[in-house]
Amino acid sequence: MRGVWELRAKLYDICEGSELRRGVAKSALFQNMRGRVLFVAIGTGVDILHFPPGLEIVAVDISKEMLRRAEARRAKYVGNLQLVEADAMNLGFPDASFDTVATSCTFCSVPDPMRGLMELFRVLRPGGQLLMFEHVRSRTPIFGLTLDLMTLWTRRLGTEMNRDTVGNVRKAGFKITRIDSIYLDIILAIHARKP
């Protein structure tokens, strides 16, 4: 899987060019970051622009090339932002070591999303918050079927467009406190807490 992301790093910024449409929603979600923050799957750092200043953030990615490309954006962040190579399904951090965990279009690509979410649960302190900007399978039949068909192709590139991320978040033990629809019921801002 790492090899796929090393190749995708070259096109990542182009694929994430929809920042103009989604940037306001990401900024609104990430303004809720508090305390010590873990950001999972930083990619080339396009989301750093939406982080509130002055935080202590550890941003991880599985791809060395993504992290290399994120370095220029990291250097401009006003706060303490550390880039670390790590796998979302096997984070190398102690239990209960973060106050906030955040993701952005991440859990469509984690090979075992339940394992990844259980890792986020593990490293989050009790009472800590999970902030997710994710695309999910629509409950509207025609859109859901369309995402199922798209996934037949996108899965080859490491992305599954039709995951039940909201259900998986609950199964992992989180308590969802709020869901904001960013685009229909396909792109969501999910707010959750570790009890």
N, C-alpha and C. Protein backbone atom coordinates (compact mmCIF):
# COMPACT_ATOMS: atom_id res chain seq x y z
N MET A 1 0.82 -1.20 0.00
CA MET A 1 0.00 0.00 0.00
C MET A 1 0.86 1.27 0.00
N ARG A 2 2.00 1.23 0.69
CA ARG A 2 2.87 2.41 0.72
C ARG A 2 3.28 2.83 -0.68
N GLY A 3 3.58 1.86 -1.55
CA GLY A 3 4.01 2.18 -2.91
C GLY A 3 2.97 2.96 -3.69
N VAL A 4 1.70 2.61 -3.50
CA VAL A 4 0.61 3.34 -4.17
C VAL A 4 0.63 4.80 -3.75
N TRP A 5 0.82 5.05 -2.45
CA TRP A 5 0.81 6.43 -1.97
C TRP A 5 2.05 7.20 -2.38
N GLU A 6 3.17 6.52 -2.54
CA GLU A 6 4.36 7.22 -3.04
C GLU A 6 4.09 7.74 -4.46
N LEU A 7 3.43 6.94 -5.28
CA LEU A 7 3.08 7.38 -6.64
C LEU A 7 2.02 8.47 -6.62
N ARG A 8 1.02 8.31 -5.76
CA ARG A 8 -0.08 9.28 -5.71
C ARG A 8 0.37 10.64 -5.19
N ALA A 9 1.47 10.69 -4.45
CA ALA A 9 1.96 11.96 -3.91
C ALA A 9 2.19 12.98 -5.01
N LYS A 10 2.60 12.50 -6.18
CA LYS A 10 2.89 13.41 -7.29
C LYS A 10 1.65 14.11 -7.82
N LEU A 11 0.49 13.48 -7.66
CA LEU A 11 -0.76 14.05 -8.18
C LEU A 11 -1.70 14.53 -7.08
N TYR A 12 -1.28 14.40 -5.86
CA TYR A 12 -2.16 14.65 -4.72
C TYR A 12 -2.73 16.06 -4.71
N ASP A 13 -1.89 17.06 -4.91
CA ASP A 13 -2.36 18.44 -4.87
C ASP A 13 -3.38 18.73 -5.96
N ILE A 14 -3.19 18.13 -7.13
CA ILE A 14 -4.16 18.31 -8.22
C ILE A 14 -5.49 17.68 -7.85
N CYS A 15 -5.44 16.47 -7.29
CA CYS A 15 -6.66 15.78 -6.88
C CYS A 15 -7.37 16.51 -5.76
N GLU A 16 -6.63 17.18 -4.91
CA GLU A 16 -7.23 17.92 -3.80
C GLU A 16 -7.50 19.36 -4.19
N GLY A 17 -7.55 19.66 -5.47
CA GLY A 17 -7.81 21.02 -5.95
C GLY A 17 -9.18 21.54 -5.59
N SER A 18 -10.01 20.68 -5.05
CA SER A 18 -11.36 21.10 -4.65
C SER A 18 -11.33 21.83 -3.32
N GLU A 19 -10.15 22.19 -2.83
CA GLU A 19 -10.02 22.92 -1.58
C GLU A 19 -10.85 24.21 -1.59
N LEU A 20 -11.00 24.83 -2.75
CA LEU A 20 -11.79 26.05 -2.81
C LEU A 20 -13.22 25.79 -2.37
N ARG A 21 -13.75 24.63 -2.70
CA ARG A 21 -15.13 24.28 -2.32
C ARG A 21 -15.21 23.80 -0.88
N ARG A 22 -14.22 23.05 -0.43
CA ARG A 22 -14.31 22.39 0.87
C ARG A 22 -13.54 23.09 1.98
N GLY A 23 -12.71 24.06 1.63
CA GLY A 23 -11.84 24.69 2.61
C GLY A 23 -12.56 25.36 3.76
N VAL A 24 -13.67 26.02 3.50
CA VAL A 24 -14.41 26.71 4.56
C VAL A 24 -14.92 25.69 5.58
N ALA A 25 -15.45 24.58 5.08
CA ALA A 25 -15.98 23.54 5.97
C ALA A 25 -14.86 22.90 6.79
N LYS A 26 -13.71 22.69 6.17
CA LYS A 26 -12.58 22.12 6.90
C LYS A 26 -12.11 23.09 7.99
N SER A 27 -11.99 24.35 7.65
CA SER A 27 -11.57 25.35 8.66
C SER A 27 -12.53 25.37 9.83
N ALA A 28 -13.84 25.32 9.55
CA ALA A 28 -14.84 25.33 10.62
C ALA A 28 -14.68 24.11 11.53
N LEU A 29 -14.45 22.94 10.94
CA LEU A 29 -14.28 21.72 11.73
C LEU A 29 -13.00 21.77 12.55
N PHE A 30 -11.90 22.14 11.91
CA PHE A 30 -10.60 22.10 12.59
C PHE A 30 -10.45 23.20 13.63
N GLN A 31 -11.30 24.23 13.62
CA GLN A 31 -11.27 25.25 14.67
C GLN A 31 -11.57 24.64 16.04
N ASN A 32 -12.14 23.44 16.04
CA ASN A 32 -12.46 22.74 17.29
C ASN A 32 -11.28 21.98 17.87
N MET A 33 -10.15 21.95 17.18
CA MET A 33 -8.97 21.25 17.71
C MET A 33 -8.55 21.88 19.03
N ARG A 34 -8.25 21.03 20.02
CA ARG A 34 -7.83 21.50 21.33
C ARG A 34 -6.71 20.61 21.87
N GLY A 35 -5.87 21.19 22.73
CA GLY A 35 -4.84 20.42 23.41
C GLY A 35 -3.82 19.84 22.44
N ARG A 36 -3.31 18.67 22.75
CA ARG A 36 -2.34 17.98 21.89
C ARG A 36 -3.14 17.26 20.81
N VAL A 37 -2.79 17.52 19.55
CA VAL A 37 -3.58 17.06 18.41
C VAL A 37 -2.80 16.03 17.59
N LEU A 38 -3.50 14.98 17.17
CA LEU A 38 -2.97 14.04 16.19
C LEU A 38 -3.78 14.22 14.92
N PHE A 39 -3.10 14.52 13.82
CA PHE A 39 -3.77 14.61 12.51
C PHE A 39 -3.31 13.41 11.69
N VAL A 40 -4.26 12.59 11.27
CA VAL A 40 -3.95 11.33 10.59
C VAL A 40 -4.08 11.50 9.08
N ALA A 41 -3.01 11.15 8.38
CA ALA A 41 -2.92 11.21 6.91
C ALA A 41 -2.85 12.66 6.42
N ILE A 42 -1.75 13.30 6.73
CA ILE A 42 -1.54 14.70 6.37
C ILE A 42 -1.34 14.88 4.87
N GLY A 43 -0.98 13.83 4.15
CA GLY A 43 -0.74 13.96 2.71
C GLY A 43 0.36 14.97 2.44
N THR A 44 0.14 15.84 1.46
CA THR A 44 1.13 16.86 1.12
C THR A 44 0.94 18.14 1.95
N GLY A 45 0.05 18.07 2.93
CA GLY A 45 -0.11 19.21 3.83
C GLY A 45 -1.15 20.23 3.41
N VAL A 46 -2.01 19.91 2.45
CA VAL A 46 -2.98 20.90 1.99
C VAL A 46 -3.93 21.34 3.11
N ASP A 47 -4.14 20.49 4.11
CA ASP A 47 -5.05 20.85 5.20
C ASP A 47 -4.42 21.76 6.25
N ILE A 48 -3.11 21.89 6.25
CA ILE A 48 -2.44 22.72 7.26
C ILE A 48 -2.97 24.15 7.24
N LEU A 49 -3.31 24.64 6.07
CA LEU A 49 -3.87 25.99 5.92
C LEU A 49 -5.11 26.18 6.79
N HIS A 50 -5.82 25.11 7.09
CA HIS A 50 -7.08 25.19 7.84
C HIS A 50 -6.91 24.94 9.34
N PHE A 51 -5.68 24.73 9.80
CA PHE A 51 -5.44 24.49 11.22
C PHE A 51 -5.43 25.81 11.97
N PRO A 52 -6.05 25.85 13.14
CA PRO A 52 -5.92 27.08 13.95
C PRO A 52 -4.48 27.23 14.43
N PRO A 53 -4.01 28.46 14.59
CA PRO A 53 -2.61 28.67 15.00
C PRO A 53 -2.39 28.32 16.46
N GLY A 54 -1.12 28.12 16.80
CA GLY A 54 -0.71 28.00 18.19
C GLY A 54 -0.91 26.64 18.83
N LEU A 55 -1.17 25.61 18.05
CA LEU A 55 -1.41 24.29 18.63
C LEU A 55 -0.15 23.42 18.59
N GLU A 56 -0.17 22.35 19.38
CA GLU A 56 0.84 21.31 19.30
C GLU A 56 0.21 20.16 18.51
N ILE A 57 0.69 19.94 17.27
CA ILE A 57 0.09 18.96 16.37
C ILE A 57 1.16 17.97 15.91
N VAL A 58 0.82 16.69 15.99
CA VAL A 58 1.62 15.64 15.39
C VAL A 58 0.82 15.16 14.18
N ALA A 59 1.38 15.33 12.99
CA ALA A 59 0.70 14.94 11.75
C ALA A 59 1.41 13.74 11.16
N VAL A 60 0.66 12.67 10.92
CA VAL A 60 1.26 11.44 10.43
C VAL A 60 0.80 11.13 9.01
N ASP A 61 1.63 10.38 8.31
CA ASP A 61 1.27 9.84 7.00
C ASP A 61 2.09 8.58 6.78
N ILE A 62 1.55 7.68 5.99
CA ILE A 62 2.23 6.42 5.70
C ILE A 62 3.32 6.59 4.64
N SER A 63 3.25 7.70 3.89
CA SER A 63 4.13 7.92 2.73
C SER A 63 5.24 8.93 3.03
N LYS A 64 6.47 8.50 2.87
CA LYS A 64 7.61 9.41 3.02
C LYS A 64 7.54 10.55 2.00
N GLU A 65 7.11 10.23 0.79
CA GLU A 65 7.03 11.26 -0.25
C GLU A 65 5.96 12.30 0.08
N MET A 66 4.83 11.86 0.60
CA MET A 66 3.80 12.83 1.04
C MET A 66 4.39 13.74 2.11
N LEU A 67 5.07 13.17 3.08
CA LEU A 67 5.65 13.97 4.16
C LEU A 67 6.71 14.93 3.63
N ARG A 68 7.51 14.48 2.67
CA ARG A 68 8.51 15.37 2.08
C ARG A 68 7.84 16.57 1.44
N ARG A 69 6.75 16.32 0.73
CA ARG A 69 6.04 17.41 0.07
C ARG A 69 5.30 18.31 1.05
N ALA A 70 4.95 17.77 2.21
CA ALA A 70 4.25 18.56 3.23
C ALA A 70 5.18 19.49 4.00
N GLU A 71 6.47 19.26 3.91
CA GLU A 71 7.43 20.01 4.73
C GLU A 71 7.34 21.52 4.52
N ALA A 72 7.20 21.98 3.29
CA ALA A 72 7.13 23.43 3.03
C ALA A 72 5.91 24.06 3.72
N ARG A 73 4.79 23.35 3.69
CA ARG A 73 3.59 23.86 4.34
C ARG A 73 3.74 23.79 5.87
N ARG A 74 4.37 22.74 6.36
CA ARG A 74 4.61 22.62 7.80
C ARG A 74 5.42 23.79 8.31
N ALA A 75 6.44 24.18 7.54
CA ALA A 75 7.33 25.26 7.97
C ALA A 75 6.60 26.59 8.12
N LYS A 76 5.47 26.76 7.45
CA LYS A 76 4.71 28.02 7.52
C LYS A 76 3.68 28.03 8.64
N TYR A 77 3.46 26.88 9.28
CA TYR A 77 2.45 26.83 10.34
C TYR A 77 2.93 27.59 11.57
N VAL A 78 2.05 28.40 12.13
CA VAL A 78 2.36 29.17 13.34
C VAL A 78 1.94 28.34 14.54
N GLY A 79 2.85 27.55 15.01
CA GLY A 79 2.59 26.63 16.12
C GLY A 79 3.61 25.52 16.05
N ASN A 80 3.40 24.47 16.82
CA ASN A 80 4.32 23.34 16.85
C ASN A 80 3.70 22.20 16.05
N LEU A 81 4.19 21.99 14.84
CA LEU A 81 3.67 20.96 13.94
C LEU A 81 4.79 20.02 13.55
N GLN A 82 4.66 18.77 13.96
CA GLN A 82 5.67 17.75 13.71
C GLN A 82 5.12 16.76 12.70
N LEU A 83 5.92 16.39 11.70
CA LEU A 83 5.54 15.39 10.71
C LEU A 83 6.21 14.06 11.06
N VAL A 84 5.41 12.98 11.06
CA VAL A 84 5.90 11.66 11.47
C VAL A 84 5.38 10.61 10.49
N GLU A 85 6.28 9.72 10.07
CA GLU A 85 5.84 8.60 9.24
C GLU A 85 5.19 7.56 10.14
N ALA A 86 3.93 7.22 9.87
CA ALA A 86 3.21 6.25 10.69
C ALA A 86 2.02 5.72 9.92
N ASP A 87 1.60 4.52 10.28
CA ASP A 87 0.47 3.84 9.69
C ASP A 87 -0.73 4.02 10.62
N ALA A 88 -1.86 4.45 10.09
CA ALA A 88 -3.06 4.68 10.90
C ALA A 88 -3.52 3.43 11.63
N MET A 89 -3.18 2.26 11.11
CA MET A 89 -3.62 1.01 11.73
C MET A 89 -2.65 0.51 12.80
N ASN A 90 -1.51 1.19 12.94
CA ASN A 90 -0.51 0.77 13.91
C ASN A 90 0.31 1.99 14.34
N LEU A 91 -0.33 2.89 15.04
CA LEU A 91 0.32 4.13 15.47
C LEU A 91 1.31 3.82 16.58
N GLY A 92 2.43 4.45 16.57
CA GLY A 92 3.47 4.17 17.55
C GLY A 92 3.42 5.07 18.76
N PHE A 93 2.23 5.51 19.16
CA PHE A 93 2.10 6.42 20.29
C PHE A 93 1.50 5.68 21.48
N PRO A 94 1.83 6.12 22.70
CA PRO A 94 1.24 5.49 23.89
C PRO A 94 -0.28 5.69 23.95
N ASP A 95 -0.93 4.86 24.72
CA ASP A 95 -2.37 5.00 24.97
C ASP A 95 -2.65 6.39 25.54
N ALA A 96 -3.82 6.93 25.17
CA ALA A 96 -4.34 8.17 25.77
C ALA A 96 -3.33 9.31 25.72
N SER A 97 -2.70 9.53 24.57
CA SER A 97 -1.67 10.57 24.48
C SER A 97 -2.10 11.82 23.71
N PHE A 98 -3.34 11.87 23.20
CA PHE A 98 -3.81 13.05 22.46
C PHE A 98 -5.18 13.50 22.98
N ASP A 99 -5.40 14.82 22.93
CA ASP A 99 -6.69 15.41 23.32
C ASP A 99 -7.66 15.47 22.15
N THR A 100 -7.11 15.61 20.93
CA THR A 100 -7.91 15.67 19.71
C THR A 100 -7.25 14.80 18.67
N VAL A 101 -8.06 14.05 17.94
CA VAL A 101 -7.59 13.35 16.75
C VAL A 101 -8.44 13.86 15.59
N ALA A 102 -7.79 14.21 14.48
CA ALA A 102 -8.51 14.74 13.33
C ALA A 102 -8.10 14.00 12.06
N THR A 103 -9.04 13.90 11.12
CA THR A 103 -8.78 13.28 9.82
C THR A 103 -9.44 14.10 8.73
N SER A 104 -8.95 13.93 7.52
CA SER A 104 -9.55 14.60 6.36
C SER A 104 -9.45 13.66 5.16
N CYS A 105 -10.59 13.14 4.74
CA CYS A 105 -10.65 12.22 3.59
C CYS A 105 -9.62 11.10 3.76
N THR A 106 -9.65 10.48 4.93
CA THR A 106 -8.67 9.48 5.31
C THR A 106 -9.25 8.07 5.31
N PHE A 107 -10.42 7.91 5.93
CA PHE A 107 -10.92 6.56 6.18
C PHE A 107 -11.57 5.89 4.98
N CYS A 108 -11.51 6.53 3.83
CA CYS A 108 -11.84 5.86 2.57
C CYS A 108 -10.65 5.07 2.08
N SER A 109 -9.47 5.33 2.65
CA SER A 109 -8.23 4.74 2.15
C SER A 109 -7.51 3.84 3.14
N VAL A 110 -7.91 3.83 4.39
CA VAL A 110 -7.28 2.94 5.36
C VAL A 110 -7.74 1.52 5.05
N PRO A 111 -6.81 0.59 4.77
CA PRO A 111 -7.20 -0.75 4.34
C PRO A 111 -8.18 -1.46 5.29
N ASP A 112 -7.98 -1.32 6.59
CA ASP A 112 -8.89 -1.91 7.58
C ASP A 112 -9.41 -0.77 8.45
N PRO A 113 -10.53 -0.16 8.05
CA PRO A 113 -10.98 1.04 8.77
C PRO A 113 -11.30 0.81 10.24
N MET A 114 -11.82 -0.36 10.59
CA MET A 114 -12.11 -0.62 12.01
C MET A 114 -10.82 -0.67 12.82
N ARG A 115 -9.82 -1.31 12.28
CA ARG A 115 -8.53 -1.37 12.98
C ARG A 115 -7.97 0.04 13.16
N GLY A 116 -8.07 0.86 12.11
CA GLY A 116 -7.59 2.24 12.20
C GLY A 116 -8.35 3.04 13.23
N LEU A 117 -9.67 2.91 13.24
CA LEU A 117 -10.48 3.66 14.21
C LEU A 117 -10.21 3.20 15.64
N MET A 118 -9.96 1.91 15.82
CA MET A 118 -9.62 1.41 17.16
C MET A 118 -8.27 1.98 17.62
N GLU A 119 -7.35 2.20 16.68
CA GLU A 119 -6.07 2.83 17.03
C GLU A 119 -6.29 4.29 17.44
N LEU A 120 -7.17 5.00 16.73
CA LEU A 120 -7.47 6.37 17.11
C LEU A 120 -8.09 6.41 18.50
N PHE A 121 -9.01 5.48 18.74
CA PHE A 121 -9.65 5.38 20.06
C PHE A 121 -8.59 5.15 21.14
N ARG A 122 -7.65 4.27 20.87
CA ARG A 122 -6.60 3.92 21.83
C ARG A 122 -5.73 5.12 22.19
N VAL A 123 -5.31 5.91 21.20
CA VAL A 123 -4.38 7.01 21.48
C VAL A 123 -5.08 8.27 21.98
N LEU A 124 -6.41 8.31 21.92
CA LEU A 124 -7.17 9.47 22.38
C LEU A 124 -7.43 9.35 23.88
N ARG A 125 -7.28 10.45 24.59
CA ARG A 125 -7.55 10.47 26.03
C ARG A 125 -9.05 10.34 26.28
N PRO A 126 -9.45 9.74 27.39
CA PRO A 126 -10.88 9.71 27.73
C PRO A 126 -11.45 11.13 27.75
N GLY A 127 -12.58 11.32 27.10
CA GLY A 127 -13.17 12.65 26.96
C GLY A 127 -12.63 13.42 25.78
N GLY A 128 -11.60 12.88 25.12
CA GLY A 128 -11.01 13.55 23.96
C GLY A 128 -11.95 13.51 22.76
N GLN A 129 -11.65 14.35 21.79
CA GLN A 129 -12.55 14.48 20.64
C GLN A 129 -11.94 13.96 19.35
N LEU A 130 -12.81 13.43 18.53
CA LEU A 130 -12.47 12.97 17.18
C LEU A 130 -13.19 13.89 16.20
N LEU A 131 -12.42 14.49 15.28
CA LEU A 131 -12.96 15.38 14.25
C LEU A 131 -12.63 14.78 12.90
N MET A 132 -13.66 14.46 12.12
CA MET A 132 -13.44 13.79 10.84
C MET A 132 -14.15 14.54 9.72
N PHE A 133 -13.40 14.83 8.65
CA PHE A 133 -13.96 15.36 7.42
C PHE A 133 -13.84 14.22 6.42
N GLU A 134 -14.94 13.53 6.13
CA GLU A 134 -14.86 12.28 5.38
C GLU A 134 -15.99 12.18 4.35
N HIS A 135 -15.70 11.47 3.26
CA HIS A 135 -16.79 11.12 2.35
C HIS A 135 -17.20 9.69 2.63
N VAL A 136 -18.51 9.45 2.54
CA VAL A 136 -19.10 8.18 2.95
C VAL A 136 -20.12 7.73 1.90
N ARG A 137 -20.61 6.51 2.06
CA ARG A 137 -21.64 5.99 1.16
C ARG A 137 -22.95 6.71 1.46
N SER A 138 -23.59 7.22 0.43
CA SER A 138 -24.88 7.89 0.57
C SER A 138 -25.98 6.88 0.90
N ARG A 139 -26.94 7.32 1.71
CA ARG A 139 -28.10 6.49 1.99
C ARG A 139 -29.18 6.66 0.93
N THR A 140 -29.01 7.64 0.05
CA THR A 140 -29.93 7.82 -1.08
C THR A 140 -29.61 6.73 -2.10
N PRO A 141 -30.58 5.89 -2.46
CA PRO A 141 -30.28 4.72 -3.30
C PRO A 141 -29.48 5.01 -4.57
N ILE A 142 -29.84 6.01 -5.33
CA ILE A 142 -29.14 6.26 -6.61
C ILE A 142 -27.71 6.72 -6.36
N PHE A 143 -27.51 7.57 -5.36
CA PHE A 143 -26.15 8.03 -5.05
C PHE A 143 -25.32 6.90 -4.44
N GLY A 144 -25.95 6.11 -3.57
CA GLY A 144 -25.25 4.98 -2.97
C GLY A 144 -24.78 4.00 -4.03
N LEU A 145 -25.66 3.69 -4.99
CA LEU A 145 -25.29 2.77 -6.07
C LEU A 145 -24.17 3.36 -6.93
N THR A 146 -24.24 4.66 -7.19
CA THR A 146 -23.20 5.32 -7.96
C THR A 146 -21.85 5.20 -7.26
N LEU A 147 -21.83 5.41 -5.94
CA LEU A 147 -20.59 5.29 -5.18
C LEU A 147 -20.09 3.85 -5.16
N ASP A 148 -21.02 2.89 -5.11
CA ASP A 148 -20.63 1.47 -5.18
C ASP A 148 -19.93 1.18 -6.51
N LEU A 149 -20.49 1.71 -7.59
CA LEU A 149 -19.89 1.48 -8.92
C LEU A 149 -18.54 2.19 -9.04
N MET A 150 -18.45 3.40 -8.53
CA MET A 150 -17.18 4.14 -8.57
C MET A 150 -16.10 3.38 -7.80
N THR A 151 -16.49 2.75 -6.70
CA THR A 151 -15.53 2.04 -5.85
C THR A 151 -14.91 0.85 -6.58
N LEU A 152 -15.64 0.26 -7.51
CA LEU A 152 -15.06 -0.83 -8.30
C LEU A 152 -13.77 -0.39 -8.99
N TRP A 153 -13.70 0.89 -9.39
CA TRP A 153 -12.51 1.44 -10.05
C TRP A 153 -11.54 2.05 -9.03
N THR A 154 -12.07 2.87 -8.10
CA THR A 154 -11.18 3.60 -7.18
C THR A 154 -10.47 2.69 -6.19
N ARG A 155 -11.05 1.53 -5.89
CA ARG A 155 -10.43 0.58 -4.96
C ARG A 155 -9.03 0.19 -5.43
N ARG A 156 -8.83 0.13 -6.75
CA ARG A 156 -7.52 -0.23 -7.30
C ARG A 156 -6.45 0.80 -6.94
N LEU A 157 -6.90 2.03 -6.68
CA LEU A 157 -5.98 3.10 -6.32
C LEU A 157 -5.91 3.32 -4.81
N GLY A 158 -6.60 2.44 -4.06
CA GLY A 158 -6.53 2.52 -2.61
C GLY A 158 -7.64 3.31 -1.95
N THR A 159 -8.68 3.68 -2.69
CA THR A 159 -9.76 4.50 -2.13
C THR A 159 -11.10 3.79 -2.33
N GLU A 160 -11.86 3.69 -1.24
CA GLU A 160 -13.20 3.12 -1.31
C GLU A 160 -14.20 4.21 -1.00
N MET A 161 -15.04 4.54 -1.99
CA MET A 161 -15.95 5.67 -1.90
C MET A 161 -17.24 5.34 -1.14
N ASN A 162 -17.44 4.09 -0.76
CA ASN A 162 -18.75 3.68 -0.25
C ASN A 162 -18.70 3.11 1.16
N ARG A 163 -17.84 3.59 1.99
CA ARG A 163 -17.73 3.06 3.35
C ARG A 163 -18.76 3.67 4.29
N ASP A 164 -19.15 2.91 5.29
CA ASP A 164 -20.06 3.37 6.34
C ASP A 164 -19.22 3.89 7.50
N THR A 165 -18.57 5.02 7.29
CA THR A 165 -17.66 5.55 8.30
C THR A 165 -18.39 5.95 9.57
N VAL A 166 -19.59 6.49 9.46
CA VAL A 166 -20.35 6.87 10.66
C VAL A 166 -20.62 5.63 11.50
N GLY A 167 -21.09 4.56 10.88
CA GLY A 167 -21.33 3.31 11.60
C GLY A 167 -20.06 2.75 12.21
N ASN A 168 -18.95 2.83 11.47
CA ASN A 168 -17.68 2.32 11.97
C ASN A 168 -17.18 3.12 13.17
N VAL A 169 -17.39 4.43 13.16
CA VAL A 169 -16.99 5.28 14.28
C VAL A 169 -17.73 4.83 15.55
N ARG A 170 -19.02 4.58 15.41
CA ARG A 170 -19.81 4.10 16.56
C ARG A 170 -19.31 2.73 17.03
N LYS A 171 -19.07 1.82 16.08
CA LYS A 171 -18.61 0.46 16.44
C LYS A 171 -17.26 0.50 17.15
N ALA A 172 -16.43 1.48 16.83
CA ALA A 172 -15.11 1.59 17.46
C ALA A 172 -15.20 2.11 18.90
N GLY A 173 -16.39 2.53 19.33
CA GLY A 173 -16.57 2.96 20.72
C GLY A 173 -16.77 4.45 20.92
N PHE A 174 -16.68 5.23 19.85
CA PHE A 174 -16.87 6.68 19.97
C PHE A 174 -18.35 7.03 20.11
N LYS A 175 -18.62 8.15 20.76
CA LYS A 175 -19.98 8.69 20.85
C LYS A 175 -20.06 9.88 19.91
N ILE A 176 -20.86 9.78 18.87
CA ILE A 176 -21.00 10.88 17.92
C ILE A 176 -21.85 11.97 18.55
N THR A 177 -21.33 13.20 18.51
CA THR A 177 -22.03 14.33 19.12
C THR A 177 -22.67 15.24 18.08
N ARG A 178 -22.16 15.17 16.84
CA ARG A 178 -22.72 16.05 15.80
C ARG A 178 -22.22 15.58 14.44
N ILE A 179 -23.09 15.69 13.44
CA ILE A 179 -22.71 15.43 12.06
C ILE A 179 -23.23 16.58 11.21
N ASP A 180 -22.34 17.23 10.49
CA ASP A 180 -22.73 18.30 9.56
C ASP A 180 -22.56 17.79 8.14
N SER A 181 -23.58 18.00 7.34
CA SER A 181 -23.51 17.62 5.93
C SER A 181 -22.80 18.74 5.16
N ILE A 182 -21.73 18.39 4.48
CA ILE A 182 -20.99 19.35 3.68
C ILE A 182 -21.48 19.30 2.23
N TYR A 183 -21.71 18.08 1.74
CA TYR A 183 -22.26 17.90 0.40
C TYR A 183 -23.20 16.71 0.43
N LEU A 184 -24.51 17.00 0.32
CA LEU A 184 -25.55 15.98 0.43
C LEU A 184 -25.27 15.14 1.68
N ASP A 185 -25.38 13.83 1.58
CA ASP A 185 -24.98 12.99 2.71
C ASP A 185 -23.74 12.19 2.34
N ILE A 186 -22.93 12.77 1.44
CA ILE A 186 -21.73 12.09 0.93
C ILE A 186 -20.47 12.60 1.60
N ILE A 187 -20.36 13.90 1.81
CA ILE A 187 -19.22 14.48 2.52
C ILE A 187 -19.74 15.03 3.84
N LEU A 188 -19.17 14.53 4.93
CA LEU A 188 -19.64 14.87 6.27
C LEU A 188 -18.52 15.40 7.15
N ALA A 189 -18.89 16.28 8.07
CA ALA A 189 -18.01 16.67 9.18
C ALA A 189 -18.56 15.97 10.40
N ILE A 190 -17.78 15.05 10.95
CA ILE A 190 -18.22 14.22 12.07
C ILE A 190 -17.49 14.67 13.34
N HIS A 191 -18.26 14.95 14.38
CA HIS A 191 -17.72 15.30 15.69
C HIS A 191 -18.06 14.14 16.62
N ALA A 192 -17.05 13.59 17.29
CA ALA A 192 -17.29 12.48 18.21
C ALA A 192 -16.38 12.61 19.42
N ARG A 193 -16.70 11.85 20.47
CA ARG A 193 -15.91 11.86 21.69
C ARG A 193 -15.62 10.45 22.14
N LYS A 194 -14.50 10.29 22.83
CA LYS A 194 -14.20 9.03 23.50
C LYS A 194 -14.80 9.13 24.89
N PRO A 195 -15.73 8.24 25.23
CA PRO A 195 -16.38 8.32 26.57
C PRO A 195 -15.35 8.24 27.69
